[in-house]
């Protein structure tokens, strides 16, 4: 006897990147955390938090955070919906929009959680392959005319970005919701917030995990018209963002100077690391994220992944056909990147 829905039993689980045990001595370049610390202003809020606040439920709509995010991005506060990480917003969207007979489409390879969430709701999944340069397959996405179309920009695992005019064309052409997943946008040259103002079926998702160095806080948000957010709010948790995350996240959003300074350091290290990987003979795609996708010239990249792991260096390897010869490498500090390059040099030269 089974207690579960058949599709849940049959589906593979989402597998996050490996998290080493506390105290393990590793160079961790596998889950795209920011190598630099959070805002000192955010940390001050955490240290000074009154424990009495934890006795009470959190604000169900995270008002303080939404105001801070709105001020930072130049949008009205009622255009912001907070969640327990941007993954929480993805789940809200799939719950509200997808299901049996309703399509979910995205270019692939991309963030695997899109597939997992759609499978949970028994939605019809259409994966449209990217070409070798990760150009957006616009015509195929439009033809699918899905209930939900996901566009990760920058895309993971490639780090590439598609032109914003193609996103606008997509939003204008389809009848469903277009989700512009901007989890890595703090390291990119531009963003899609202006498109959100122009297209009522477009929502942009943001995360504090990457640019703001708060992956352990679990806080993200969506930006869209209030009418769209009102419907998504019907399927959110009753108190999705805890008090600590709301207050610390608000302080982090208010300290844009700190976030941008760290992002510039990551971008400079990204350029240097891409050049060094190229010298070792790896193919590296142009990235606007805080990671690089690098392909070995022949065969599978899995032996290199395993060899690096044995040397105490974690990178990400995806066991999917389109990614079998590739590694996704988080941009760390220059010291961490140097350790990676030295180890790779020993293994592939």
C-alpha atoms as a PDB file:
ATOM      1  CA  UNK A   1       0.000   0.000   0.000  1.00  0.00           C
ATOM      2  CA  UNK A   2       1.277   3.459  -0.858  1.00  0.00           C
ATOM      3  CA  UNK A   3       0.367   6.655   0.917  1.00  0.00           C
ATOM      4  CA  UNK A   4       1.606   8.870  -1.886  1.00  0.00           C
ATOM      5  CA  UNK A   5       0.533  10.116  -5.283  1.00  0.00           C
ATOM      6  CA  UNK A   6       1.974   7.967  -8.051  1.00  0.00           C
ATOM      7  CA  UNK A   7       3.721  10.871  -9.756  1.00  0.00           C
ATOM      8  CA  UNK A   8       5.492  11.835  -6.511  1.00  0.00           C
ATOM      9  CA  UNK A   9       6.727   8.295  -5.953  1.00  0.00           C
ATOM     10  CA  UNK A  10       7.969   8.062  -9.543  1.00  0.00           C
ATOM     11  CA  UNK A  11       9.721  11.429  -9.846  1.00  0.00           C
ATOM     12  CA  UNK A  12      13.427  11.876  -9.052  1.00  0.00           C
ATOM     13  CA  UNK A  13      14.091  14.337  -6.223  1.00  0.00           C
ATOM     14  CA  UNK A  14      15.824  17.643  -6.688  1.00  0.00           C
ATOM     15  CA  UNK A  15      19.448  17.178  -5.617  1.00  0.00           C
ATOM     16  CA  UNK A  16      21.126  20.301  -4.195  1.00  0.00           C
ATOM     17  CA  UNK A  17      24.846  20.850  -4.428  1.00  0.00           C
ATOM     18  CA  UNK A  18      26.939  19.028  -1.850  1.00  0.00           C
ATOM     19  CA  UNK A  19      27.186  20.755   1.520  1.00  0.00           C
ATOM     20  CA  UNK A  20      30.273  19.670   3.482  1.00  0.00           C
ATOM     21  CA  UNK A  21      30.031  19.071   7.208  1.00  0.00           C
ATOM     22  CA  UNK A  22      30.836  21.947   9.533  1.00  0.00           C
ATOM     23  CA  UNK A  23      34.574  22.167  10.029  1.00  0.00           C
ATOM     24  CA  UNK A  24      35.532  20.336   6.837  1.00  0.00           C
ATOM     25  CA  UNK A  25      38.475  22.009   5.142  1.00  0.00           C
ATOM     26  CA  UNK A  26      37.359  22.436   1.527  1.00  0.00           C
ATOM     27  CA  UNK A  27      37.444  25.030  -1.217  1.00  0.00           C
ATOM     28  CA  UNK A  28      33.711  25.271  -1.847  1.00  0.00           C
ATOM     29  CA  UNK A  29      32.971  26.380  -5.405  1.00  0.00           C
ATOM     30  CA  UNK A  30      29.874  24.291  -6.118  1.00  0.00           C
ATOM     31  CA  UNK A  31      26.746  26.138  -4.979  1.00  0.00           C
ATOM     32  CA  UNK A  32      27.339  29.736  -6.058  1.00  0.00           C
ATOM     33  CA  UNK A  33      27.546  31.320  -2.637  1.00  0.00           C
ATOM     34  CA  UNK A  34      29.089  34.778  -2.497  1.00  0.00           C
ATOM     35  CA  UNK A  35      32.676  34.524  -1.169  1.00  0.00           C
ATOM     36  CA  UNK A  36      32.396  37.839   0.694  1.00  0.00           C
ATOM     37  CA  UNK A  37      30.521  38.586   3.945  1.00  0.00           C
ATOM     38  CA  UNK A  38      27.065  40.174   4.205  1.00  0.00           C
ATOM     39  CA  UNK A  39      26.505  43.845   4.836  1.00  0.00           C
ATOM     40  CA  UNK A  40      27.809  45.003   8.247  1.00  0.00           C
ATOM     41  CA  UNK A  41      24.523  46.876   8.634  1.00  0.00           C
ATOM     42  CA  UNK A  42      22.594  43.629   8.174  1.00  0.00           C
ATOM     43  CA  UNK A  43      24.843  41.848  10.674  1.00  0.00           C
ATOM     44  CA  UNK A  44      24.278  44.641  13.197  1.00  0.00           C
ATOM     45  CA  UNK A  45      20.519  44.091  12.950  1.00  0.00           C
ATOM     46  CA  UNK A  46      21.059  40.377  13.565  1.00  0.00           C
ATOM     47  CA  UNK A  47      23.226  40.986  16.644  1.00  0.00           C
ATOM     48  CA  UNK A  48      20.846  43.531  18.140  1.00  0.00           C
ATOM     49  CA  UNK A  49      17.607  41.626  17.441  1.00  0.00           C
ATOM     50  CA  UNK A  50      15.307  41.634  20.482  1.00  0.00           C
ATOM     51  CA  UNK A  51      14.560  38.021  21.394  1.00  0.00           C
ATOM     52  CA  UNK A  52      11.008  39.041  22.279  1.00  0.00           C
ATOM     53  CA  UNK A  53      10.363  39.387  18.548  1.00  0.00           C
ATOM     54  CA  UNK A  54      10.841  35.636  18.189  1.00  0.00           C
ATOM     55  CA  UNK A  55       7.964  34.869  20.567  1.00  0.00           C
ATOM     56  CA  UNK A  56       5.528  36.423  18.124  1.00  0.00           C
ATOM     57  CA  UNK A  57       4.593  35.425  14.598  1.00  0.00           C
ATOM     58  CA  UNK A  58       6.361  37.241  11.799  1.00  0.00           C
ATOM     59  CA  UNK A  59       4.661  39.820   9.586  1.00  0.00           C
ATOM     60  CA  UNK A  60       2.705  37.681   7.076  1.00  0.00           C
ATOM     61  CA  UNK A  61       3.505  40.065   4.221  1.00  0.00           C
ATOM     62  CA  UNK A  62       7.042  41.068   5.297  1.00  0.00           C
ATOM     63  CA  UNK A  63       6.211  44.772   5.099  1.00  0.00           C
ATOM     64  CA  UNK A  64       9.592  46.081   6.291  1.00  0.00           C
ATOM     65  CA  UNK A  65      11.474  43.989   3.770  1.00  0.00           C
ATOM     66  CA  UNK A  66       9.127  44.764   0.884  1.00  0.00           C
ATOM     67  CA  UNK A  67       9.499  48.511   1.536  1.00  0.00           C
ATOM     68  CA  UNK A  68      13.295  48.210   1.604  1.00  0.00           C
ATOM     69  CA  UNK A  69      13.353  46.149  -1.605  1.00  0.00           C
ATOM     70  CA  UNK A  70      10.976  48.571  -3.310  1.00  0.00           C
ATOM     71  CA  UNK A  71      13.111  51.559  -2.315  1.00  0.00           C
ATOM     72  CA  UNK A  72      16.274  49.856  -3.568  1.00  0.00           C
ATOM     73  CA  UNK A  73      14.752  48.952  -6.936  1.00  0.00           C
ATOM     74  CA  UNK A  74      12.581  52.018  -7.498  1.00  0.00           C
ATOM     75  CA  UNK A  75       9.220  50.238  -7.580  1.00  0.00           C
ATOM     76  CA  UNK A  76       6.104  50.640  -5.389  1.00  0.00           C
ATOM     77  CA  UNK A  77       6.027  48.434  -2.292  1.00  0.00           C
ATOM     78  CA  UNK A  78       2.849  46.677  -3.444  1.00  0.00           C
ATOM     79  CA  UNK A  79       4.807  45.414  -6.474  1.00  0.00           C
ATOM     80  CA  UNK A  80       6.962  43.213  -4.191  1.00  0.00           C
ATOM     81  CA  UNK A  81       6.076  39.794  -2.757  1.00  0.00           C
ATOM     82  CA  UNK A  82       8.551  38.125  -0.387  1.00  0.00           C
ATOM     83  CA  UNK A  83       9.118  34.413   0.089  1.00  0.00           C
ATOM     84  CA  UNK A  84      11.300  31.848   1.812  1.00  0.00           C
ATOM     85  CA  UNK A  85      13.952  32.119  -0.886  1.00  0.00           C
ATOM     86  CA  UNK A  86      13.106  32.685  -4.537  1.00  0.00           C
ATOM     87  CA  UNK A  87      12.461  28.920  -4.723  1.00  0.00           C
ATOM     88  CA  UNK A  88       9.378  29.622  -2.604  1.00  0.00           C
ATOM     89  CA  UNK A  89       8.140  32.059  -5.271  1.00  0.00           C
ATOM     90  CA  UNK A  90       8.755  29.405  -7.946  1.00  0.00           C
ATOM     91  CA  UNK A  91       6.605  26.975  -5.963  1.00  0.00           C
ATOM     92  CA  UNK A  92       3.836  29.566  -5.565  1.00  0.00           C
ATOM     93  CA  UNK A  93       3.818  30.173  -9.311  1.00  0.00           C
ATOM     94  CA  UNK A  94       3.640  26.492 -10.220  1.00  0.00           C
ATOM     95  CA  UNK A  95       0.934  25.854  -7.627  1.00  0.00           C
ATOM     96  CA  UNK A  96      -1.176  28.761  -8.867  1.00  0.00           C
ATOM     97  CA  UNK A  97      -0.672  28.321 -12.613  1.00  0.00           C
ATOM     98  CA  UNK A  98       0.310  24.752 -13.527  1.00  0.00           C
ATOM     99  CA  UNK A  99      -1.291  21.317 -13.325  1.00  0.00           C
ATOM    100  CA  UNK A 100      -2.520  18.447 -15.490  1.00  0.00           C
ATOM    101  CA  UNK A 101      -3.115  19.653 -19.034  1.00  0.00           C
ATOM    102  CA  UNK A 102      -1.338  22.965 -18.383  1.00  0.00           C
ATOM    103  CA  UNK A 103       2.107  23.376 -19.883  1.00  0.00           C
ATOM    104  CA  UNK A 104       5.328  24.501 -18.244  1.00  0.00           C
ATOM    105  CA  UNK A 105       8.088  25.349 -20.727  1.00  0.00           C
ATOM    106  CA  UNK A 106      11.691  26.473 -20.423  1.00  0.00           C
ATOM    107  CA  UNK A 107      14.910  26.319 -22.425  1.00  0.00           C
ATOM    108  CA  UNK A 108      17.255  23.558 -21.269  1.00  0.00           C
ATOM    109  CA  UNK A 109      19.613  22.928 -19.639  1.00  0.00           C
ATOM    110  CA  UNK A 110      18.616  25.353 -16.908  1.00  0.00           C
ATOM    111  CA  UNK A 111      17.678  25.352 -13.222  1.00  0.00           C
ATOM    112  CA  UNK A 112      16.522  21.786 -12.529  1.00  0.00           C
ATOM    113  CA  UNK A 113      13.991  22.834  -9.878  1.00  0.00           C
ATOM    114  CA  UNK A 114      11.645  24.079 -12.632  1.00  0.00           C
ATOM    115  CA  UNK A 115      11.236  20.472 -13.752  1.00  0.00           C
ATOM    116  CA  UNK A 116      10.834  19.147 -10.206  1.00  0.00           C
ATOM    117  CA  UNK A 117       8.131  21.644  -9.274  1.00  0.00           C
ATOM    118  CA  UNK A 118       6.222  21.007 -12.498  1.00  0.00           C
ATOM    119  CA  UNK A 119       6.378  17.251 -11.937  1.00  0.00           C
ATOM    120  CA  UNK A 120       4.930  17.717  -8.459  1.00  0.00           C
ATOM    121  CA  UNK A 121       1.822  19.299  -9.995  1.00  0.00           C
ATOM    122  CA  UNK A 122       1.632  16.805 -12.893  1.00  0.00           C
ATOM    123  CA  UNK A 123       1.984  19.629 -15.388  1.00  0.00           C
ATOM    124  CA  UNK A 124       2.851  18.996 -19.028  1.00  0.00           C
ATOM    125  CA  UNK A 125       6.573  19.777 -19.309  1.00  0.00           C
ATOM    126  CA  UNK A 126       8.184  21.054 -22.511  1.00  0.00           C
ATOM    127  CA  UNK A 127      11.975  21.375 -22.446  1.00  0.00           C
ATOM    128  CA  UNK A 128      13.306  23.271 -25.464  1.00  0.00           C
ATOM    129  CA  UNK A 129      17.034  22.649 -26.021  1.00  0.00           C
ATOM    130  CA  UNK A 130      19.437  25.556 -26.132  1.00  0.00           C
ATOM    131  CA  UNK A 131      21.906  25.556 -28.986  1.00  0.00           C
ATOM    132  CA  UNK A 132      25.626  25.209 -28.262  1.00  0.00           C
ATOM    133  CA  UNK A 133      25.926  28.946 -27.519  1.00  0.00           C
ATOM    134  CA  UNK A 134      22.865  29.068 -25.229  1.00  0.00           C
ATOM    135  CA  UNK A 135      20.881  31.347 -27.505  1.00  0.00           C
ATOM    136  CA  UNK A 136      17.236  31.696 -26.484  1.00  0.00           C
ATOM    137  CA  UNK A 137      15.011  29.388 -28.614  1.00  0.00           C
ATOM    138  CA  UNK A 138      12.378  32.096 -28.893  1.00  0.00           C
ATOM    139  CA  UNK A 139      10.187  30.675 -31.669  1.00  0.00           C
ATOM    140  CA  UNK A 140       9.830  27.298 -29.950  1.00  0.00           C
ATOM    141  CA  UNK A 141       8.995  28.917 -26.599  1.00  0.00           C
ATOM    142  CA  UNK A 142       6.328  31.076 -28.225  1.00  0.00           C
ATOM    143  CA  UNK A 143       4.893  28.082 -30.094  1.00  0.00           C
ATOM    144  CA  UNK A 144       4.508  26.165 -26.817  1.00  0.00           C
ATOM    145  CA  UNK A 145       2.284  28.987 -25.449  1.00  0.00           C
ATOM    146  CA  UNK A 146       2.553  27.525 -21.954  1.00  0.00           C
ATOM    147  CA  UNK A 147       0.750  28.395 -18.768  1.00  0.00           C
ATOM    148  CA  UNK A 148       4.201  29.177 -17.330  1.00  0.00           C
ATOM    149  CA  UNK A 149       7.390  29.956 -19.246  1.00  0.00           C
ATOM    150  CA  UNK A 150      10.613  30.140 -17.237  1.00  0.00           C
ATOM    151  CA  UNK A 151      13.589  32.194 -18.406  1.00  0.00           C
ATOM    152  CA  UNK A 152      16.615  32.220 -16.110  1.00  0.00           C
ATOM    153  CA  UNK A 153      18.640  35.349 -16.855  1.00  0.00           C
ATOM    154  CA  UNK A 154      21.536  34.866 -16.264  1.00  0.00           C
ATOM    155  CA  UNK A 155      20.941  31.215 -16.975  1.00  0.00           C
ATOM    156  CA  UNK A 156      22.262  28.484 -14.747  1.00  0.00           C
ATOM    157  CA  UNK A 157      24.421  26.528 -15.421  1.00  0.00           C
ATOM    158  CA  UNK A 158      25.698  28.531 -18.398  1.00  0.00           C
ATOM    159  CA  UNK A 159      25.877  32.040 -16.888  1.00  0.00           C
ATOM    160  CA  UNK A 160      24.740  33.452 -20.216  1.00  0.00           C
ATOM    161  CA  UNK A 161      22.080  36.113 -20.757  1.00  0.00           C
ATOM    162  CA  UNK A 162      19.554  36.502 -23.542  1.00  0.00           C
ATOM    163  CA  UNK A 163      18.725  39.934 -24.982  1.00  0.00           C
ATOM    164  CA  UNK A 164      15.940  41.695 -23.098  1.00  0.00           C
ATOM    165  CA  UNK A 165      14.103  42.501 -26.315  1.00  0.00           C
ATOM    166  CA  UNK A 166      13.602  38.759 -26.844  1.00  0.00           C
ATOM    167  CA  UNK A 167      12.080  38.467 -23.368  1.00  0.00           C
ATOM    168  CA  UNK A 168       9.740  41.340 -24.231  1.00  0.00           C
ATOM    169  CA  UNK A 169       8.793  39.646 -27.491  1.00  0.00           C
ATOM    170  CA  UNK A 170       8.075  36.422 -25.626  1.00  0.00           C
ATOM    171  CA  UNK A 171       5.893  38.126 -23.010  1.00  0.00           C
ATOM    172  CA  UNK A 172       3.911  39.923 -25.717  1.00  0.00           C
ATOM    173  CA  UNK A 173       3.336  36.738 -27.714  1.00  0.00           C
ATOM    174  CA  UNK A 174       2.222  34.172 -25.115  1.00  0.00           C
ATOM    175  CA  UNK A 175      -1.007  33.944 -23.171  1.00  0.00           C
ATOM    176  CA  UNK A 176       0.513  32.548 -19.967  1.00  0.00           C
ATOM    177  CA  UNK A 177       2.832  33.819 -17.255  1.00  0.00           C
ATOM    178  CA  UNK A 178       6.477  34.551 -18.088  1.00  0.00           C
ATOM    179  CA  UNK A 179       8.849  34.144 -15.142  1.00  0.00           C
ATOM    180  CA  UNK A 180      12.131  36.029 -15.469  1.00  0.00           C
ATOM    181  CA  UNK A 181      14.351  34.355 -12.890  1.00  0.00           C
ATOM    182  CA  UNK A 182      16.982  36.948 -11.982  1.00  0.00           C
ATOM    183  CA  UNK A 183      18.640  35.121  -9.085  1.00  0.00           C
ATOM    184  CA  UNK A 184      22.088  36.112 -10.419  1.00  0.00           C
ATOM    185  CA  UNK A 185      21.224  39.524 -11.801  1.00  0.00           C
ATOM    186  CA  UNK A 186      23.432  41.414  -9.325  1.00  0.00           C
ATOM    187  CA  UNK A 187      26.437  40.224 -11.352  1.00  0.00           C
ATOM    188  CA  UNK A 188      24.898  41.064 -14.758  1.00  0.00           C
ATOM    189  CA  UNK A 189      25.066  44.133 -16.964  1.00  0.00           C
ATOM    190  CA  UNK A 190      21.321  44.839 -16.931  1.00  0.00           C
ATOM    191  CA  UNK A 191      17.980  43.593 -15.597  1.00  0.00           C
ATOM    192  CA  UNK A 192      14.368  43.143 -16.664  1.00  0.00           C
ATOM    193  CA  UNK A 193      12.514  45.372 -14.206  1.00  0.00           C
ATOM    194  CA  UNK A 194      11.446  47.777 -16.941  1.00  0.00           C
ATOM    195  CA  UNK A 195       9.822  44.854 -18.772  1.00  0.00           C
ATOM    196  CA  UNK A 196       7.818  44.022 -15.649  1.00  0.00           C
ATOM    197  CA  UNK A 197       6.329  47.500 -15.733  1.00  0.00           C
ATOM    198  CA  UNK A 198       5.350  47.047 -19.402  1.00  0.00           C
ATOM    199  CA  UNK A 199       4.004  43.470 -19.400  1.00  0.00           C
ATOM    200  CA  UNK A 200       1.308  42.443 -16.952  1.00  0.00           C
ATOM    201  CA  UNK A 201       2.055  38.718 -17.489  1.00  0.00           C
ATOM    202  CA  UNK A 202       5.720  39.056 -16.490  1.00  0.00           C
ATOM    203  CA  UNK A 203       7.187  38.530 -13.015  1.00  0.00           C
ATOM    204  CA  UNK A 204      10.847  39.002 -12.104  1.00  0.00           C
ATOM    205  CA  UNK A 205      12.283  36.918  -9.268  1.00  0.00           C
ATOM    206  CA  UNK A 206      15.195  38.022  -7.109  1.00  0.00           C
ATOM    207  CA  UNK A 207      17.259  36.356  -4.386  1.00  0.00           C
ATOM    208  CA  UNK A 208      19.359  37.567  -1.476  1.00  0.00           C
ATOM    209  CA  UNK A 209      21.416  34.366  -1.608  1.00  0.00           C
ATOM    210  CA  UNK A 210      23.895  35.500  -4.256  1.00  0.00           C
ATOM    211  CA  UNK A 211      24.578  39.222  -4.466  1.00  0.00           C
ATOM    212  CA  UNK A 212      23.766  39.888  -0.806  1.00  0.00           C
ATOM    213  CA  UNK A 213      25.719  36.936   0.676  1.00  0.00           C
ATOM    214  CA  UNK A 214      22.669  35.651   2.570  1.00  0.00           C
ATOM    215  CA  UNK A 215      22.151  32.142   1.202  1.00  0.00           C
ATOM    216  CA  UNK A 216      21.641  30.791   4.720  1.00  0.00           C
ATOM    217  CA  UNK A 217      18.889  33.302   5.448  1.00  0.00           C
ATOM    218  CA  UNK A 218      16.464  31.938   2.795  1.00  0.00           C
ATOM    219  CA  UNK A 219      14.905  35.106   1.456  1.00  0.00           C
ATOM    220  CA  UNK A 220      13.775  36.037  -2.044  1.00  0.00           C
ATOM    221  CA  UNK A 221      11.074  38.082  -3.688  1.00  0.00           C
ATOM    222  CA  UNK A 222       9.070  38.650  -6.820  1.00  0.00           C
ATOM    223  CA  UNK A 223       8.365  41.927  -8.599  1.00  0.00           C
ATOM    224  CA  UNK A 224       5.156  42.153 -10.632  1.00  0.00           C
ATOM    225  CA  UNK A 225       1.877  44.020 -10.865  1.00  0.00           C
ATOM    226  CA  UNK A 226      -0.176  44.031  -7.647  1.00  0.00           C
ATOM    227  CA  UNK A 227      -3.020  42.150  -9.366  1.00  0.00           C
ATOM    228  CA  UNK A 228      -0.692  39.294 -10.285  1.00  0.00           C
ATOM    229  CA  UNK A 229       0.900  39.202  -6.836  1.00  0.00           C
ATOM    230  CA  UNK A 230      -2.511  39.178  -5.155  1.00  0.00           C
ATOM    231  CA  UNK A 231      -3.355  35.851  -6.782  1.00  0.00           C
ATOM    232  CA  UNK A 232       0.046  34.357  -5.955  1.00  0.00           C
ATOM    233  CA  UNK A 233      -0.513  35.480  -2.372  1.00  0.00           C
ATOM    234  CA  UNK A 234      -3.437  33.073  -2.143  1.00  0.00           C
ATOM    235  CA  UNK A 235      -1.085  30.079  -2.297  1.00  0.00           C
ATOM    236  CA  UNK A 236       1.752  31.385  -0.111  1.00  0.00           C
ATOM    237  CA  UNK A 237       2.470  30.047   3.334  1.00  0.00           C
ATOM    238  CA  UNK A 238       0.703  31.916   6.132  1.00  0.00           C
ATOM    239  CA  UNK A 239       4.015  33.311   7.456  1.00  0.00           C
ATOM    240  CA  UNK A 240       6.549  32.556   4.712  1.00  0.00           C
ATOM    241  CA  UNK A 241       9.364  34.851   5.878  1.00  0.00           C
ATOM    242  CA  UNK A 242      10.527  34.688   9.484  1.00  0.00           C
ATOM    243  CA  UNK A 243      11.181  37.799  11.542  1.00  0.00           C
ATOM    244  CA  UNK A 244      14.966  37.438  11.432  1.00  0.00           C
ATOM    245  CA  UNK A 245      15.026  37.149   7.649  1.00  0.00           C
ATOM    246  CA  UNK A 246      12.638  40.072   7.209  1.00  0.00           C
ATOM    247  CA  UNK A 247      14.648  42.507   9.347  1.00  0.00           C
ATOM    248  CA  UNK A 248      18.138  41.386   8.316  1.00  0.00           C
ATOM    249  CA  UNK A 249      17.071  41.262   4.666  1.00  0.00           C
ATOM    250  CA  UNK A 250      15.648  44.770   4.852  1.00  0.00           C
ATOM    251  CA  UNK A 251      18.951  46.088   6.176  1.00  0.00           C
ATOM    252  CA  UNK A 252      20.861  44.251   3.441  1.00  0.00           C
ATOM    253  CA  UNK A 253      18.635  45.680   0.713  1.00  0.00           C
ATOM    254  CA  UNK A 254      19.152  49.171   2.123  1.00  0.00           C
ATOM    255  CA  UNK A 255      22.933  48.761   1.865  1.00  0.00           C
ATOM    256  CA  UNK A 256      23.212  48.691  -1.916  1.00  0.00           C
ATOM    257  CA  UNK A 257      26.729  50.118  -1.811  1.00  0.00           C
ATOM    258  CA  UNK A 258      28.026  47.039   0.010  1.00  0.00           C
ATOM    259  CA  UNK A 259      26.315  44.619  -2.358  1.00  0.00           C
ATOM    260  CA  UNK A 260      27.593  46.415  -5.449  1.00  0.00           C
ATOM    261  CA  UNK A 261      31.159  46.626  -4.142  1.00  0.00           C
ATOM    262  CA  UNK A 262      31.226  42.874  -3.533  1.00  0.00           C
ATOM    263  CA  UNK A 263      29.653  42.220  -6.927  1.00  0.00           C
ATOM    264  CA  UNK A 264      32.409  44.225  -8.620  1.00  0.00           C
ATOM    265  CA  UNK A 265      35.049  42.131  -6.854  1.00  0.00           C
ATOM    266  CA  UNK A 266      33.335  38.937  -8.023  1.00  0.00           C
ATOM    267  CA  UNK A 267      33.127  40.225 -11.600  1.00  0.00           C
ATOM    268  CA  UNK A 268      36.819  41.087 -11.644  1.00  0.00           C
ATOM    269  CA  UNK A 269      37.707  37.636 -10.312  1.00  0.00           C
ATOM    270  CA  UNK A 270      35.339  36.057 -12.838  1.00  0.00           C
ATOM    271  CA  UNK A 271      37.197  37.639 -15.743  1.00  0.00           C
ATOM    272  CA  UNK A 272      40.575  36.544 -14.379  1.00  0.00           C
ATOM    273  CA  UNK A 273      39.376  32.985 -13.701  1.00  0.00           C
ATOM    274  CA  UNK A 274      37.822  32.654 -17.162  1.00  0.00           C
ATOM    275  CA  UNK A 275      41.134  33.675 -18.731  1.00  0.00           C
ATOM    276  CA  UNK A 276      43.098  31.185 -16.633  1.00  0.00           C
ATOM    277  CA  UNK A 277      40.701  28.333 -17.415  1.00  0.00           C
ATOM    278  CA  UNK A 278      40.994  29.152 -21.102  1.00  0.00           C
ATOM    279  CA  UNK A 279      44.776  28.915 -20.867  1.00  0.00           C
ATOM    280  CA  UNK A 280      44.359  25.402 -19.480  1.00  0.00           C
ATOM    281  CA  UNK A 281      42.425  24.425 -22.599  1.00  0.00           C
ATOM    282  CA  UNK A 282      38.896  24.524 -21.191  1.00  0.00           C
ATOM    283  CA  UNK A 283      36.087  26.123 -23.155  1.00  0.00           C
ATOM    284  CA  UNK A 284      34.404  28.811 -21.036  1.00  0.00           C
ATOM    285  CA  UNK A 285      31.087  30.441 -21.891  1.00  0.00           C
ATOM    286  CA  UNK A 286      30.708  34.223 -21.389  1.00  0.00           C
ATOM    287  CA  UNK A 287      29.136  34.610 -17.956  1.00  0.00           C
ATOM    288  CA  UNK A 288      27.226  37.427 -16.282  1.00  0.00           C
ATOM    289  CA  UNK A 289      26.716  35.440 -13.095  1.00  0.00           C
ATOM    290  CA  UNK A 290      28.987  34.525 -10.181  1.00  0.00           C
ATOM    291  CA  UNK A 291      30.000  31.224 -11.780  1.00  0.00           C
ATOM    292  CA  UNK A 292      31.506  29.887 -14.985  1.00  0.00           C
ATOM    293  CA  UNK A 293      30.553  26.942 -17.158  1.00  0.00           C
ATOM    294  CA  UNK A 294      33.701  25.218 -18.406  1.00  0.00           C
ATOM    295  CA  UNK A 295      33.923  22.268 -20.795  1.00  0.00           C
ATOM    296  CA  UNK A 296      36.788  19.825 -21.126  1.00  0.00           C
ATOM    297  CA  UNK A 297      37.971  19.276 -24.684  1.00  0.00           C
ATOM    298  CA  UNK A 298      37.422  15.513 -24.768  1.00  0.00           C
ATOM    299  CA  UNK A 299      35.322  13.021 -22.862  1.00  0.00           C
ATOM    300  CA  UNK A 300      33.423  13.351 -19.617  1.00  0.00           C
ATOM    301  CA  UNK A 301      34.177  16.004 -17.015  1.00  0.00           C
ATOM    302  CA  UNK A 302      33.227  13.660 -14.191  1.00  0.00           C
ATOM    303  CA  UNK A 303      36.764  12.352 -13.591  1.00  0.00           C
ATOM    304  CA  UNK A 304      37.987  15.930 -13.185  1.00  0.00           C
ATOM    305  CA  UNK A 305      35.120  16.666 -10.786  1.00  0.00           C
ATOM    306  CA  UNK A 306      36.066  13.611  -8.727  1.00  0.00           C
ATOM    307  CA  UNK A 307      39.756  14.457  -8.855  1.00  0.00           C
ATOM    308  CA  UNK A 308      39.120  17.970  -7.589  1.00  0.00           C
ATOM    309  CA  UNK A 309      36.945  16.586  -4.811  1.00  0.00           C
ATOM    310  CA  UNK A 310      39.767  14.304  -3.703  1.00  0.00           C
ATOM    311  CA  UNK A 311      41.952  17.416  -3.504  1.00  0.00           C
ATOM    312  CA  UNK A 312      39.397  19.184  -1.279  1.00  0.00           C
ATOM    313  CA  UNK A 313      37.890  21.367  -4.019  1.00  0.00           C
ATOM    314  CA  UNK A 314      34.165  21.142  -4.708  1.00  0.00           C
ATOM    315  CA  UNK A 315      32.684  22.201  -8.056  1.00  0.00           C
ATOM    316  CA  UNK A 316      29.347  21.188  -9.591  1.00  0.00           C
ATOM    317  CA  UNK A 317      28.917  18.335 -12.047  1.00  0.00           C
ATOM    318  CA  UNK A 318      25.513  17.549 -13.572  1.00  0.00           C
ATOM    319  CA  UNK A 319      24.880  14.025 -14.824  1.00  0.00           C
ATOM    320  CA  UNK A 320      22.847  15.139 -17.826  1.00  0.00           C
ATOM    321  CA  UNK A 321      23.751  14.467 -21.469  1.00  0.00           C
ATOM    322  CA  UNK A 322      24.050  18.124 -22.453  1.00  0.00           C
ATOM    323  CA  UNK A 323      26.373  18.791 -19.500  1.00  0.00           C
ATOM    324  CA  UNK A 324      28.430  15.602 -19.356  1.00  0.00           C
ATOM    325  CA  UNK A 325      31.621  17.306 -20.517  1.00  0.00           C
ATOM    326  CA  UNK A 326      31.159  20.428 -18.369  1.00  0.00           C
ATOM    327  CA  UNK A 327      31.738  21.739 -14.857  1.00  0.00           C
ATOM    328  CA  UNK A 328      29.989  24.670 -13.226  1.00  0.00           C
ATOM    329  CA  UNK A 329      32.490  26.574 -11.126  1.00  0.00           C
ATOM    330  CA  UNK A 330      31.542  29.222  -8.574  1.00  0.00           C
ATOM    331  CA  UNK A 331      33.750  32.307  -8.619  1.00  0.00           C
ATOM    332  CA  UNK A 332      35.444  32.404  -5.222  1.00  0.00           C
ATOM    333  CA  UNK A 333      38.087  34.649  -3.768  1.00  0.00           C
ATOM    334  CA  UNK A 334      41.271  35.010  -5.784  1.00  0.00           C
ATOM    335  CA  UNK A 335      42.956  32.634  -3.313  1.00  0.00           C
ATOM    336  CA  UNK A 336      40.235  29.979  -3.809  1.00  0.00           C
ATOM    337  CA  UNK A 337      40.289  30.431  -7.570  1.00  0.00           C
ATOM    338  CA  UNK A 338      44.069  30.080  -7.552  1.00  0.00           C
ATOM    339  CA  UNK A 339      43.830  26.767  -5.683  1.00  0.00           C
ATOM    340  CA  UNK A 340      41.363  25.518  -8.283  1.00  0.00           C
ATOM    341  CA  UNK A 341      43.539  26.570 -11.222  1.00  0.00           C
ATOM    342  CA  UNK A 342      46.627  24.941  -9.720  1.00  0.00           C
ATOM    343  CA  UNK A 343      44.753  21.691  -9.123  1.00  0.00           C
ATOM    344  CA  UNK A 344      43.338  21.673 -12.637  1.00  0.00           C
ATOM    345  CA  UNK A 345      46.786  22.349 -14.056  1.00  0.00           C
ATOM    346  CA  UNK A 346      48.109  19.258 -12.297  1.00  0.00           C
ATOM    347  CA  UNK A 347      45.254  17.134 -13.630  1.00  0.00           C
ATOM    348  CA  UNK A 348      44.851  18.146 -17.259  1.00  0.00           C
ATOM    349  CA  UNK A 349      48.294  19.263 -18.435  1.00  0.00           C
END
